[in-house]
């Protein structure tokens, strides 16, 4: 994906909200900050810790990144709490 294609795609997204499919198979929109639980030790975060996501970003490879206390972490290190 080129940077131009990524810019076109990101026109329709927001760093302050994310859509999540719940265990009841319903689609909900979460607004930042929202709470997540750490699934494994990463950086200064410890397994089981509850933290708040301040912002959501996307890498050039279209991987979702959570900004937590100004640090960036891939989404798969966390469980979103709804």
PDB file of N, CA and C in Angstrom:
ATOM      1  N   UNK A   1       0.860  -1.177   0.000  1.00  0.00           N
ATOM      2  CA  UNK A   1       0.000   0.000   0.000  1.00  0.00           C
ATOM      3  C   UNK A   1       0.898   1.230   0.000  1.00  0.00           C
ATOM      4  N   UNK A   2       0.585   2.139  -0.878  1.00  0.00           N
ATOM      5  CA  UNK A   2       1.371   3.370  -0.951  1.00  0.00           C
ATOM      6  C   UNK A   2       0.905   4.351   0.124  1.00  0.00           C
ATOM      7  N   UNK A   3       1.714   5.346   0.363  1.00  0.00           N
ATOM      8  CA  UNK A   3       1.344   6.368   1.340  1.00  0.00           C
ATOM      9  C   UNK A   3       0.098   7.126   0.896  1.00  0.00           C
ATOM     10  N   UNK A   4      -0.043   7.314  -0.403  1.00  0.00           N
ATOM     11  CA  UNK A   4      -1.233   8.000  -0.923  1.00  0.00           C
ATOM     12  C   UNK A   4      -2.484   7.168  -0.671  1.00  0.00           C
ATOM     13  N   UNK A   5      -2.404   5.854  -0.903  1.00  0.00           N
ATOM     14  CA  UNK A   5      -3.544   4.968  -0.638  1.00  0.00           C
ATOM     15  C   UNK A   5      -3.889   4.942   0.848  1.00  0.00           C
ATOM     16  N   UNK A   6      -2.862   4.924   1.688  1.00  0.00           N
ATOM     17  CA  UNK A   6      -3.088   4.946   3.138  1.00  0.00           C
ATOM     18  C   UNK A   6      -3.760   6.250   3.552  1.00  0.00           C
ATOM     19  N   UNK A   7      -3.308   7.358   3.027  1.00  0.00           N
ATOM     20  CA  UNK A   7      -3.913   8.652   3.349  1.00  0.00           C
ATOM     21  C   UNK A   7      -5.383   8.679   2.942  1.00  0.00           C
ATOM     22  N   UNK A   8      -5.695   8.095   1.803  1.00  0.00           N
ATOM     23  CA  UNK A   8      -7.085   8.029   1.337  1.00  0.00           C
ATOM     24  C   UNK A   8      -7.939   7.201   2.295  1.00  0.00           C
ATOM     25  N   UNK A   9      -7.412   6.072   2.737  1.00  0.00           N
ATOM     26  CA  UNK A   9      -8.125   5.203   3.666  1.00  0.00           C
ATOM     27  C   UNK A   9      -8.333   5.883   5.018  1.00  0.00           C
ATOM     28  N   UNK A  10      -7.322   6.575   5.503  1.00  0.00           N
ATOM     29  CA  UNK A  10      -7.393   7.190   6.832  1.00  0.00           C
ATOM     30  C   UNK A  10      -8.306   8.414   6.883  1.00  0.00           C
ATOM     31  N   UNK A  11      -8.730   8.908   5.726  1.00  0.00           N
ATOM     32  CA  UNK A  11      -9.685  10.017   5.706  1.00  0.00           C
ATOM     33  C   UNK A  11     -10.990   9.631   6.400  1.00  0.00           C
ATOM     34  N   UNK A  12     -11.271   8.323   6.423  1.00  0.00           N
ATOM     35  CA  UNK A  12     -12.533   7.842   6.975  1.00  0.00           C
ATOM     36  C   UNK A  12     -12.393   7.260   8.375  1.00  0.00           C
ATOM     37  N   UNK A  13     -11.263   7.454   9.003  1.00  0.00           N
ATOM     38  CA  UNK A  13     -11.057   6.932  10.353  1.00  0.00           C
ATOM     39  C   UNK A  13     -10.734   8.077  11.309  1.00  0.00           C
ATOM     40  N   UNK A  14     -10.813   7.765  12.598  1.00  0.00           N
ATOM     41  CA  UNK A  14     -10.548   8.756  13.630  1.00  0.00           C
ATOM     42  C   UNK A  14      -9.613   8.161  14.673  1.00  0.00           C
ATOM     43  N   UNK A  15      -8.654   8.939  15.166  1.00  0.00           N
ATOM     44  CA  UNK A  15      -7.767   8.431  16.210  1.00  0.00           C
ATOM     45  C   UNK A  15      -8.435   8.391  17.584  1.00  0.00           C
ATOM     46  N   UNK A  16      -9.696   8.817  17.653  1.00  0.00           N
ATOM     47  CA  UNK A  16     -10.387   8.893  18.942  1.00  0.00           C
ATOM     48  C   UNK A  16     -11.518   7.892  19.092  1.00  0.00           C
ATOM     49  N   UNK A  17     -11.717   7.010  18.102  1.00  0.00           N
ATOM     50  CA  UNK A  17     -12.798   6.035  18.206  1.00  0.00           C
ATOM     51  C   UNK A  17     -12.434   4.744  17.491  1.00  0.00           C
ATOM     52  N   UNK A  18     -13.059   3.656  17.945  1.00  0.00           N
ATOM     53  CA  UNK A  18     -12.813   2.341  17.361  1.00  0.00           C
ATOM     54  C   UNK A  18     -14.114   1.542  17.417  1.00  0.00           C
ATOM     55  N   UNK A  19     -14.347   0.748  16.388  1.00  0.00           N
ATOM     56  CA  UNK A  19     -15.502  -0.142  16.372  1.00  0.00           C
ATOM     57  C   UNK A  19     -15.057  -1.518  16.855  1.00  0.00           C
ATOM     58  N   UNK A  20     -15.883  -2.130  17.724  1.00  0.00           N
ATOM     59  CA  UNK A  20     -15.553  -3.418  18.328  1.00  0.00           C
ATOM     60  C   UNK A  20     -16.757  -4.343  18.215  1.00  0.00           C
ATOM     61  N   UNK A  21     -16.510  -5.602  17.866  1.00  0.00           N
ATOM     62  CA  UNK A  21     -17.559  -6.612  17.872  1.00  0.00           C
ATOM     63  C   UNK A  21     -17.501  -7.298  19.238  1.00  0.00           C
ATOM     64  N   UNK A  22     -18.607  -7.255  19.984  1.00  0.00           N
ATOM     65  CA  UNK A  22     -18.640  -7.831  21.326  1.00  0.00           C
ATOM     66  C   UNK A  22     -18.858  -9.342  21.257  1.00  0.00           C
ATOM     67  N   UNK A  23     -18.759  -9.990  22.409  1.00  0.00           N
ATOM     68  CA  UNK A  23     -18.977 -11.439  22.477  1.00  0.00           C
ATOM     69  C   UNK A  23     -20.426 -11.798  22.155  1.00  0.00           C
ATOM     70  N   UNK A  24     -21.334 -10.814  22.210  1.00  0.00           N
ATOM     71  CA  UNK A  24     -22.736 -11.024  21.832  1.00  0.00           C
ATOM     72  C   UNK A  24     -22.949 -10.800  20.328  1.00  0.00           C
ATOM     73  N   UNK A  25     -21.834 -10.599  19.613  1.00  0.00           N
ATOM     74  CA  UNK A  25     -21.854 -10.384  18.167  1.00  0.00           C
ATOM     75  C   UNK A  25     -22.570  -9.088  17.775  1.00  0.00           C
ATOM     76  N   UNK A  26     -22.414  -8.063  18.600  1.00  0.00           N
ATOM     77  CA  UNK A  26     -22.957  -6.746  18.272  1.00  0.00           C
ATOM     78  C   UNK A  26     -21.801  -5.777  18.054  1.00  0.00           C
ATOM     79  N   UNK A  27     -22.006  -4.841  17.173  1.00  0.00           N
ATOM     80  CA  UNK A  27     -20.994  -3.850  16.848  1.00  0.00           C
ATOM     81  C   UNK A  27     -21.218  -2.614  17.707  1.00  0.00           C
ATOM     82  N   UNK A  28     -20.168  -2.184  18.419  1.00  0.00           N
ATOM     83  CA  UNK A  28     -20.269  -0.967  19.229  1.00  0.00           C
ATOM     84  C   UNK A  28     -19.100  -0.047  18.892  1.00  0.00           C
ATOM     85  N   UNK A  29     -19.296   1.228  19.156  1.00  0.00           N
ATOM     86  CA  UNK A  29     -18.248   2.214  18.944  1.00  0.00           C
ATOM     87  C   UNK A  29     -17.735   2.666  20.311  1.00  0.00           C
ATOM     88  N   UNK A  30     -16.422   2.579  20.502  1.00  0.00           N
ATOM     89  CA  UNK A  30     -15.795   3.051  21.736  1.00  0.00           C
ATOM     90  C   UNK A  30     -15.048   4.339  21.442  1.00  0.00           C
ATOM     91  N   UNK A  31     -15.119   5.253  22.382  1.00  0.00           N
ATOM     92  CA  UNK A  31     -14.417   6.525  22.260  1.00  0.00           C
ATOM     93  C   UNK A  31     -13.260   6.563  23.246  1.00  0.00           C
ATOM     94  N   UNK A  32     -12.166   7.150  22.840  1.00  0.00           N
ATOM     95  CA  UNK A  32     -11.012   7.303  23.725  1.00  0.00           C
ATOM     96  C   UNK A  32     -11.322   8.342  24.778  1.00  0.00           C
ATOM     97  N   UNK A  33     -10.857   8.134  25.999  1.00  0.00           N
ATOM     98  CA  UNK A  33     -10.086   6.972  26.441  1.00  0.00           C
ATOM     99  C   UNK A  33     -11.011   5.808  26.789  1.00  0.00           C
ATOM    100  N   UNK A  34     -10.582   4.587  26.448  1.00  0.00           N
ATOM    101  CA  UNK A  34     -11.301   3.385  26.847  1.00  0.00           C
ATOM    102  C   UNK A  34     -10.308   2.443  27.531  1.00  0.00           C
ATOM    103  N   UNK A  35     -10.861   1.557  28.354  1.00  0.00           N
ATOM    104  CA  UNK A  35     -10.017   0.709  29.198  1.00  0.00           C
ATOM    105  C   UNK A  35      -9.679  -0.611  28.514  1.00  0.00           C
ATOM    106  N   UNK A  36      -8.437  -1.043  28.697  1.00  0.00           N
ATOM    107  CA  UNK A  36      -7.970  -2.337  28.210  1.00  0.00           C
ATOM    108  C   UNK A  36      -7.189  -3.026  29.319  1.00  0.00           C
ATOM    109  N   UNK A  37      -7.066  -4.344  29.184  1.00  0.00           N
ATOM    110  CA  UNK A  37      -6.265  -5.113  30.133  1.00  0.00           C
ATOM    111  C   UNK A  37      -5.049  -5.664  29.391  1.00  0.00           C
ATOM    112  N   UNK A  38      -3.889  -5.571  30.025  1.00  0.00           N
ATOM    113  CA  UNK A  38      -2.637  -6.030  29.432  1.00  0.00           C
ATOM    114  C   UNK A  38      -2.605  -7.559  29.466  1.00  0.00           C
ATOM    115  N   UNK A  39      -2.360  -8.203  28.317  1.00  0.00           N
ATOM    116  CA  UNK A  39      -2.344  -9.662  28.221  1.00  0.00           C
ATOM    117  C   UNK A  39      -0.967 -10.258  28.495  1.00  0.00           C
ATOM    118  N   UNK A  40       0.082  -9.483  28.243  1.00  0.00           N
ATOM    119  CA  UNK A  40       1.448  -9.955  28.504  1.00  0.00           C
ATOM    120  C   UNK A  40       2.331  -8.747  28.789  1.00  0.00           C
ATOM    121  N   UNK A  41       3.383  -8.965  29.546  1.00  0.00           N
ATOM    122  CA  UNK A  41       4.299  -7.872  29.854  1.00  0.00           C
ATOM    123  C   UNK A  41       4.837  -7.265  28.562  1.00  0.00           C
ATOM    124  N   UNK A  42       4.754  -5.948  28.482  1.00  0.00           N
ATOM    125  CA  UNK A  42       5.281  -5.227  27.326  1.00  0.00           C
ATOM    126  C   UNK A  42       5.693  -3.838  27.784  1.00  0.00           C
ATOM    127  N   UNK A  43       6.923  -3.470  27.518  1.00  0.00           N
ATOM    128  CA  UNK A  43       7.426  -2.174  27.972  1.00  0.00           C
ATOM    129  C   UNK A  43       7.326  -2.077  29.488  1.00  0.00           C
ATOM    130  N   UNK A  44       6.714  -1.007  29.964  1.00  0.00           N
ATOM    131  CA  UNK A  44       6.540  -0.817  31.411  1.00  0.00           C
ATOM    132  C   UNK A  44       5.223  -1.398  31.919  1.00  0.00           C
ATOM    133  N   UNK A  45       4.416  -1.958  31.022  1.00  0.00           N
ATOM    134  CA  UNK A  45       3.110  -2.504  31.403  1.00  0.00           C
ATOM    135  C   UNK A  45       3.251  -3.968  31.817  1.00  0.00           C
ATOM    136  N   UNK A  46       2.497  -4.363  32.830  1.00  0.00           N
ATOM    137  CA  UNK A  46       2.564  -5.719  33.373  1.00  0.00           C
ATOM    138  C   UNK A  46       1.278  -6.480  33.094  1.00  0.00           C
ATOM    139  N   UNK A  47       1.389  -7.802  32.948  1.00  0.00           N
ATOM    140  CA  UNK A  47       0.248  -8.670  32.701  1.00  0.00           C
ATOM    141  C   UNK A  47      -0.835  -8.444  33.744  1.00  0.00           C
ATOM    142  N   UNK A  48      -2.082  -8.303  33.283  1.00  0.00           N
ATOM    143  CA  UNK A  48      -3.215  -8.118  34.177  1.00  0.00           C
ATOM    144  C   UNK A  48      -3.508  -6.675  34.539  1.00  0.00           C
ATOM    145  N   UNK A  49      -2.606  -5.777  34.234  1.00  0.00           N
ATOM    146  CA  UNK A  49      -2.781  -4.359  34.556  1.00  0.00           C
ATOM    147  C   UNK A  49      -3.889  -3.766  33.684  1.00  0.00           C
ATOM    148  N   UNK A  50      -4.651  -2.832  34.249  1.00  0.00           N
ATOM    149  CA  UNK A  50      -5.690  -2.118  33.517  1.00  0.00           C
ATOM    150  C   UNK A  50      -5.166  -0.726  33.179  1.00  0.00           C
ATOM    151  N   UNK A  51      -5.272  -0.354  31.904  1.00  0.00           N
ATOM    152  CA  UNK A  51      -4.792   0.948  31.444  1.00  0.00           C
ATOM    153  C   UNK A  51      -5.815   1.544  30.483  1.00  0.00           C
ATOM    154  N   UNK A  52      -5.649   2.822  30.178  1.00  0.00           N
ATOM    155  CA  UNK A  52      -6.553   3.502  29.260  1.00  0.00           C
ATOM    156  C   UNK A  52      -5.840   3.848  27.957  1.00  0.00           C
ATOM    157  N   UNK A  53      -6.523   3.599  26.849  1.00  0.00           N
ATOM    158  CA  UNK A  53      -6.014   3.941  25.524  1.00  0.00           C
ATOM    159  C   UNK A  53      -6.386   5.394  25.256  1.00  0.00           C
ATOM    160  N   UNK A  54      -5.371   6.208  24.986  1.00  0.00           N
ATOM    161  CA  UNK A  54      -5.583   7.634  24.744  1.00  0.00           C
ATOM    162  C   UNK A  54      -5.876   7.942  23.279  1.00  0.00           C
ATOM    163  N   UNK A  55      -5.333   7.103  22.387  1.00  0.00           N
ATOM    164  CA  UNK A  55      -5.477   7.362  20.958  1.00  0.00           C
ATOM    165  C   UNK A  55      -5.244   6.062  20.190  1.00  0.00           C
ATOM    166  N   UNK A  56      -5.777   5.982  18.980  1.00  0.00           N
ATOM    167  CA  UNK A  56      -5.621   4.812  18.127  1.00  0.00           C
ATOM    168  C   UNK A  56      -4.963   5.255  16.826  1.00  0.00           C
ATOM    169  N   UNK A  57      -3.928   4.536  16.435  1.00  0.00           N
ATOM    170  CA  UNK A  57      -3.223   4.840  15.187  1.00  0.00           C
ATOM    171  C   UNK A  57      -3.178   3.587  14.326  1.00  0.00           C
ATOM    172  N   UNK A  58      -2.731   3.738  13.090  1.00  0.00           N
ATOM    173  CA  UNK A  58      -2.581   2.620  12.163  1.00  0.00           C
ATOM    174  C   UNK A  58      -1.205   2.738  11.517  1.00  0.00           C
ATOM    175  N   UNK A  59      -0.489   1.614  11.432  1.00  0.00           N
ATOM    176  CA  UNK A  59       0.818   1.620  10.786  1.00  0.00           C
ATOM    177  C   UNK A  59       0.644   1.578   9.271  1.00  0.00           C
ATOM    178  N   UNK A  60       1.725   1.743   8.562  1.00  0.00           N
ATOM    179  CA  UNK A  60       1.699   1.683   7.100  1.00  0.00           C
ATOM    180  C   UNK A  60       1.285   0.295   6.621  1.00  0.00           C
ATOM    181  N   UNK A  61       1.471  -0.722   7.492  1.00  0.00           N
ATOM    182  CA  UNK A  61       1.051  -2.091   7.171  1.00  0.00           C
ATOM    183  C   UNK A  61      -0.386  -2.363   7.621  1.00  0.00           C
ATOM    184  N   UNK A  62      -1.092  -1.324   8.061  1.00  0.00           N
ATOM    185  CA  UNK A  62      -2.476  -1.378   8.523  1.00  0.00           C
ATOM    186  C   UNK A  62      -2.654  -2.171   9.820  1.00  0.00           C
ATOM    187  N   UNK A  63      -1.654  -2.156  10.687  1.00  0.00           N
ATOM    188  CA  UNK A  63      -1.778  -2.765  12.010  1.00  0.00           C
ATOM    189  C   UNK A  63      -2.220  -1.685  12.993  1.00  0.00           C
ATOM    190  N   UNK A  64      -3.178  -2.038  13.834  1.00  0.00           N
ATOM    191  CA  UNK A  64      -3.706  -1.088  14.806  1.00  0.00           C
ATOM    192  C   UNK A  64      -2.738  -0.927  15.971  1.00  0.00           C
ATOM    193  N   UNK A  65      -2.528   0.311  16.370  1.00  0.00           N
ATOM    194  CA  UNK A  65      -1.618   0.650  17.457  1.00  0.00           C
ATOM    195  C   UNK A  65      -2.382   1.482  18.476  1.00  0.00           C
ATOM    196  N   UNK A  66      -2.249   1.129  19.751  1.00  0.00           N
ATOM    197  CA  UNK A  66      -2.851   1.901  20.827  1.00  0.00           C
ATOM    198  C   UNK A  66      -1.785   2.813  21.432  1.00  0.00           C
ATOM    199  N   UNK A  67      -2.139   4.072  21.643  1.00  0.00           N
ATOM    200  CA  UNK A  67      -1.254   5.010  22.330  1.00  0.00           C
ATOM    201  C   UNK A  67      -1.702   5.053  23.787  1.00  0.00           C
ATOM    202  N   UNK A  68      -0.795   4.652  24.684  1.00  0.00           N
ATOM    203  CA  UNK A  68      -1.065   4.597  26.122  1.00  0.00           C
ATOM    204  C   UNK A  68       0.057   5.349  26.819  1.00  0.00           C
ATOM    205  N   UNK A  69      -0.286   6.412  27.513  1.00  0.00           N
ATOM    206  CA  UNK A  69       0.717   7.251  28.197  1.00  0.00           C
ATOM    207  C   UNK A  69       1.853   7.637  27.256  1.00  0.00           C
ATOM    208  N   UNK A  70       1.522   8.092  26.082  1.00  0.00           N
ATOM    209  CA  UNK A  70       2.426   8.555  25.023  1.00  0.00           C
ATOM    210  C   UNK A  70       3.298   7.451  24.411  1.00  0.00           C
ATOM    211  N   UNK A  71       3.099   6.202  24.786  1.00  0.00           N
ATOM    212  CA  UNK A  71       3.835   5.078  24.211  1.00  0.00           C
ATOM    213  C   UNK A  71       2.926   4.302  23.261  1.00  0.00           C
ATOM    214  N   UNK A  72       3.490   3.783  22.173  1.00  0.00           N
ATOM    215  CA  UNK A  72       2.717   3.037  21.180  1.00  0.00           C
ATOM    216  C   UNK A  72       2.891   1.529  21.382  1.00  0.00           C
ATOM    217  N   UNK A  73       1.757   0.794  21.357  1.00  0.00           N
ATOM    218  CA  UNK A  73       1.751  -0.660  21.519  1.00  0.00           C
ATOM    219  C   UNK A  73       0.784  -1.258  20.501  1.00  0.00           C
ATOM    220  N   UNK A  74       1.144  -2.420  19.936  1.00  0.00           N
ATOM    221  CA  UNK A  74       0.217  -3.108  19.044  1.00  0.00           C
ATOM    222  C   UNK A  74      -1.009  -3.575  19.833  1.00  0.00           C
ATOM    223  N   UNK A  75      -2.153  -3.564  19.164  1.00  0.00           N
ATOM    224  CA  UNK A  75      -3.432  -3.890  19.791  1.00  0.00           C
ATOM    225  C   UNK A  75      -3.476  -5.290  20.396  1.00  0.00           C
ATOM    226  N   UNK A  76      -2.755  -6.251  19.830  1.00  0.00           N
ATOM    227  CA  UNK A  76      -2.872  -7.640  20.260  1.00  0.00           C
ATOM    228  C   UNK A  76      -2.244  -7.935  21.617  1.00  0.00           C
ATOM    229  N   UNK A  77      -1.652  -6.927  22.245  1.00  0.00           N
ATOM    230  CA  UNK A  77      -1.134  -7.088  23.603  1.00  0.00           C
ATOM    231  C   UNK A  77      -2.204  -6.807  24.657  1.00  0.00           C
ATOM    232  N   UNK A  78      -3.432  -6.496  24.217  1.00  0.00           N
ATOM    233  CA  UNK A  78      -4.474  -6.043  25.131  1.00  0.00           C
ATOM    234  C   UNK A  78      -5.821  -6.721  24.861  1.00  0.00           C
ATOM    235  N   UNK A  79      -6.637  -6.748  25.903  1.00  0.00           N
ATOM    236  CA  UNK A  79      -8.034  -7.143  25.756  1.00  0.00           C
ATOM    237  C   UNK A  79      -8.868  -5.903  26.013  1.00  0.00           C
ATOM    238  N   UNK A  80      -9.727  -5.585  25.070  1.00  0.00           N
ATOM    239  CA  UNK A  80     -10.588  -4.410  25.206  1.00  0.00           C
ATOM    240  C   UNK A  80     -11.729  -4.746  26.148  1.00  0.00           C
ATOM    241  N   UNK A  81     -11.958  -3.890  27.119  1.00  0.00           N
ATOM    242  CA  UNK A  81     -13.023  -4.112  28.104  1.00  0.00           C
ATOM    243  C   UNK A  81     -14.261  -3.336  27.710  1.00  0.00           C
ATOM    244  N   UNK A  82     -15.350  -4.061  27.477  1.00  0.00           N
ATOM    245  CA  UNK A  82     -16.640  -3.418  27.118  1.00  0.00           C
ATOM    246  C   UNK A  82     -17.708  -3.791  28.111  1.00  0.00           C
TER     247      UNK A  82
END
